[in-house]
Amino acid sequence: MPVCFTPDQVKLLESYAKRNGMLNTSQAIEHILELIVGKNKD
């Protein structure tokens, strides 16, 4: 599914990915979504 971000949001995602040892922003997006979904399962 395509997702659009502003240039500033892309920089934040890149920074998040680097801090968490991820190779690209796609991994960061997947990780963040898992955190959100995981918290809402209760």
N, C-alpha and C. Protein backbone atom coordinates (compact mmCIF):
# COMPACT_ATOMS: atom_id res chain seq x y z
N MET A 1 0.85 -1.17 0.00
CA MET A 1 0.00 0.00 0.00
C MET A 1 0.90 1.24 0.00
N PRO A 2 0.72 2.14 -0.91
CA PRO A 2 1.53 3.35 -0.96
C PRO A 2 1.24 4.27 0.23
N VAL A 3 2.29 4.87 0.74
CA VAL A 3 2.16 5.81 1.84
C VAL A 3 2.96 7.06 1.46
N CYS A 4 2.40 8.22 1.70
CA CYS A 4 3.09 9.47 1.35
C CYS A 4 3.52 10.21 2.61
N PHE A 5 4.71 10.78 2.55
CA PHE A 5 5.25 11.54 3.67
C PHE A 5 5.86 12.83 3.17
N THR A 6 5.91 13.82 4.04
CA THR A 6 6.61 15.06 3.71
C THR A 6 8.11 14.80 3.83
N PRO A 7 8.94 15.67 3.26
CA PRO A 7 10.39 15.48 3.40
C PRO A 7 10.85 15.44 4.86
N ASP A 8 10.24 16.25 5.72
CA ASP A 8 10.60 16.23 7.14
C ASP A 8 10.23 14.90 7.80
N GLN A 9 9.09 14.35 7.42
CA GLN A 9 8.68 13.06 7.97
C GLN A 9 9.62 11.95 7.51
N VAL A 10 10.08 12.03 6.27
CA VAL A 10 11.02 11.03 5.75
C VAL A 10 12.32 11.10 6.55
N LYS A 11 12.78 12.29 6.86
CA LYS A 11 14.00 12.44 7.67
C LYS A 11 13.82 11.82 9.05
N LEU A 12 12.65 12.02 9.65
CA LEU A 12 12.37 11.41 10.94
C LEU A 12 12.37 9.88 10.85
N LEU A 13 11.76 9.36 9.81
CA LEU A 13 11.74 7.91 9.62
C LEU A 13 13.14 7.36 9.40
N GLU A 14 13.95 8.06 8.61
CA GLU A 14 15.33 7.62 8.37
C GLU A 14 16.12 7.62 9.67
N SER A 15 15.95 8.65 10.46
CA SER A 15 16.64 8.74 11.75
C SER A 15 16.20 7.60 12.68
N TYR A 16 14.90 7.35 12.73
CA TYR A 16 14.36 6.26 13.55
C TYR A 16 14.94 4.92 13.11
N ALA A 17 14.98 4.71 11.81
CA ALA A 17 15.50 3.45 11.27
C ALA A 17 16.97 3.27 11.65
N LYS A 18 17.77 4.30 11.51
CA LYS A 18 19.19 4.21 11.86
C LYS A 18 19.39 3.94 13.33
N ARG A 19 18.63 4.64 14.18
CA ARG A 19 18.76 4.45 15.63
C ARG A 19 18.40 3.03 16.06
N ASN A 20 17.53 2.39 15.30
CA ASN A 20 17.05 1.05 15.67
C ASN A 20 17.67 -0.06 14.83
N GLY A 21 18.75 0.25 14.11
CA GLY A 21 19.48 -0.76 13.36
C GLY A 21 18.73 -1.32 12.16
N MET A 22 17.85 -0.54 11.59
CA MET A 22 17.08 -0.99 10.43
C MET A 22 17.77 -0.54 9.15
N LEU A 23 17.52 -1.26 8.07
CA LEU A 23 18.19 -0.97 6.81
C LEU A 23 17.51 0.12 6.00
N ASN A 24 16.20 0.30 6.19
CA ASN A 24 15.49 1.29 5.39
C ASN A 24 14.23 1.77 6.11
N THR A 25 13.61 2.77 5.52
CA THR A 25 12.42 3.34 6.14
C THR A 25 11.22 2.39 6.12
N SER A 26 11.19 1.47 5.18
CA SER A 26 10.08 0.50 5.15
C SER A 26 10.07 -0.33 6.42
N GLN A 27 11.24 -0.72 6.88
CA GLN A 27 11.31 -1.49 8.12
C GLN A 27 10.85 -0.64 9.30
N ALA A 28 11.20 0.64 9.29
CA ALA A 28 10.77 1.53 10.36
C ALA A 28 9.26 1.66 10.39
N ILE A 29 8.66 1.83 9.21
CA ILE A 29 7.20 1.95 9.13
C ILE A 29 6.53 0.68 9.64
N GLU A 30 7.04 -0.47 9.22
CA GLU A 30 6.46 -1.74 9.69
C GLU A 30 6.58 -1.86 11.20
N HIS A 31 7.72 -1.48 11.74
CA HIS A 31 7.95 -1.58 13.18
C HIS A 31 6.99 -0.66 13.95
N ILE A 32 6.85 0.56 13.48
CA ILE A 32 5.95 1.50 14.14
C ILE A 32 4.50 1.01 14.08
N LEU A 33 4.09 0.49 12.93
CA LEU A 33 2.73 -0.04 12.81
C LEU A 33 2.51 -1.23 13.74
N GLU A 34 3.50 -2.09 13.88
CA GLU A 34 3.38 -3.22 14.79
C GLU A 34 3.22 -2.75 16.22
N LEU A 35 3.95 -1.70 16.59
CA LEU A 35 3.81 -1.15 17.93
C LEU A 35 2.41 -0.61 18.16
N ILE A 36 1.86 0.09 17.18
CA ILE A 36 0.53 0.65 17.30
C ILE A 36 -0.53 -0.45 17.39
N VAL A 37 -0.44 -1.42 16.49
CA VAL A 37 -1.42 -2.51 16.47
C VAL A 37 -1.31 -3.35 17.73
N GLY A 38 -0.08 -3.60 18.17
CA GLY A 38 0.13 -4.39 19.37
C GLY A 38 -0.48 -3.75 20.59
N LYS A 39 -0.41 -2.42 20.69
CA LYS A 39 -0.96 -1.72 21.83
C LYS A 39 -2.48 -1.72 21.80
N ASN A 40 -3.07 -1.82 20.62
CA ASN A 40 -4.52 -1.78 20.49
C ASN A 40 -5.17 -3.15 20.57
N LYS A 41 -4.40 -4.20 20.74
CA LYS A 41 -4.98 -5.55 20.80
C LYS A 41 -5.66 -5.83 22.12
N ASP A 42 -5.34 -5.07 23.15
CA ASP A 42 -5.91 -5.33 24.49
C ASP A 42 -7.35 -5.00 24.60
